Amino acid sequence: MATGSETLDPSVVRKYESIRRALSPTARRKVELAARSFAPQLDKLDDCSDLMAAARREIGRQFTGLSRKGIDVLVFYMVAVGASQDGGDR
């Protein structure tokens, strides 16, 4: 995770790592691509509900047929990946 992960709640880091290990390399690449294409939209969003809706749409485009729970798990992971990419320590 990003260099600043030591300031994150350990349960968040564990969840991120658990999801990362569970995803196939192909799925991880798709989430990384989704995070990159999602990042420019962030400045245009007004609040957290807009953020969640936009993130769910982006993941839904990349992973068709996923359940809402599956989408939410990948949204969490995508936001974490995006934060890591934004930190520049990939």
Protein backbone atom coordinates (compact mmCIF):
# COMPACT_ATOMS: atom_id res chain seq x y z
CA MET A 1 0.00 0.00 0.00
CA ALA A 2 1.07 3.67 -0.09
CA THR A 3 4.01 4.84 1.97
CA GLY A 4 1.64 6.54 4.41
CA SER A 5 -0.09 3.24 5.18
CA GLU A 6 1.49 3.22 8.63
CA THR A 7 -0.97 5.99 9.53
CA LEU A 8 -3.96 3.95 8.37
CA ASP A 9 -6.00 1.80 10.69
CA PRO A 10 -4.43 -1.67 10.59
CA SER A 11 -7.80 -3.23 9.75
CA VAL A 12 -7.96 -1.15 6.55
CA VAL A 13 -4.50 -2.30 5.53
CA ARG A 14 -5.41 -5.93 6.29
CA LYS A 15 -8.59 -5.66 4.21
CA TYR A 16 -6.66 -4.16 1.29
CA GLU A 17 -4.03 -6.90 1.46
CA SER A 18 -6.67 -9.61 1.75
CA ILE A 19 -8.47 -8.37 -1.36
CA ARG A 20 -5.20 -7.97 -3.25
CA ARG A 21 -4.20 -11.57 -2.51
CA ALA A 22 -7.64 -12.88 -3.52
CA LEU A 23 -7.69 -11.15 -6.91
CA SER A 24 -6.12 -12.71 -9.96
CA PRO A 25 -3.36 -10.73 -11.68
CA THR A 26 -5.79 -9.94 -14.49
CA ALA A 27 -8.39 -8.60 -12.07
CA ARG A 28 -5.76 -6.49 -10.28
CA ARG A 29 -4.71 -4.97 -13.62
CA LYS A 30 -8.33 -4.18 -14.47
CA VAL A 31 -8.79 -2.43 -11.12
CA GLU A 32 -5.56 -0.47 -11.63
CA LEU A 33 -6.82 0.65 -15.05
CA ALA A 34 -10.18 1.58 -13.53
CA ALA A 35 -8.40 3.61 -10.83
CA ARG A 36 -6.42 5.53 -13.46
CA SER A 37 -9.48 6.31 -15.55
CA PHE A 38 -11.50 7.19 -12.45
CA ALA A 39 -8.98 9.65 -10.98
CA PRO A 40 -9.76 12.58 -13.34
CA GLN A 41 -13.44 12.40 -12.34
CA LEU A 42 -12.70 13.09 -8.67
CA ASP A 43 -12.46 16.87 -9.05
CA LYS A 44 -15.90 16.97 -10.66
CA LEU A 45 -17.71 15.17 -7.83
CA ASP A 46 -19.65 17.14 -5.23
CA ASP A 47 -19.88 14.72 -2.33
CA CYS A 48 -19.22 11.18 -1.13
CA SER A 49 -22.46 9.81 -2.55
CA ASP A 50 -21.40 11.06 -5.99
CA LEU A 51 -17.99 9.46 -5.43
CA MET A 52 -19.50 6.08 -4.55
CA ALA A 53 -21.94 6.14 -7.46
CA ALA A 54 -19.19 7.07 -9.92
CA ALA A 55 -16.81 4.46 -8.49
CA ARG A 56 -19.50 1.77 -8.70
CA ARG A 57 -20.18 2.68 -12.33
CA GLU A 58 -16.47 2.46 -13.18
CA ILE A 59 -16.08 -0.94 -11.54
CA GLY A 60 -19.33 -2.11 -13.13
CA ARG A 61 -17.93 -1.23 -16.55
CA GLN A 62 -14.80 -3.26 -15.92
CA PHE A 63 -16.48 -6.22 -14.18
CA THR A 64 -19.89 -6.94 -15.66
CA GLY A 65 -22.21 -9.26 -13.79
CA LEU A 66 -20.78 -8.66 -10.31
CA SER A 67 -23.08 -8.50 -7.30
CA ARG A 68 -23.46 -5.22 -5.42
CA LYS A 69 -21.29 -6.64 -2.64
CA GLY A 70 -18.61 -7.65 -5.15
CA ILE A 71 -18.69 -4.19 -6.69
CA ASP A 72 -18.35 -2.58 -3.24
CA VAL A 73 -15.32 -4.75 -2.43
CA LEU A 74 -13.65 -3.73 -5.69
CA VAL A 75 -14.58 -0.07 -5.13
CA PHE A 76 -12.76 -0.21 -1.79
CA TYR A 77 -9.76 -1.77 -3.50
CA MET A 78 -9.88 0.70 -6.41
CA VAL A 79 -9.90 3.70 -4.06
CA ALA A 80 -6.93 2.23 -2.17
CA VAL A 81 -5.06 1.59 -5.42
CA GLY A 82 -5.86 5.12 -6.59
CA ALA A 83 -4.55 6.58 -3.34
CA SER A 84 -1.39 4.56 -3.75
CA GLN A 85 -0.96 5.72 -7.35
CA ASP A 86 -1.59 9.31 -6.30
CA GLY A 87 1.13 8.96 -3.68
CA GLY A 88 3.58 8.18 -6.46
CA ASP A 89 5.18 5.19 -4.77
CA ARG A 90 4.05 2.40 -7.07
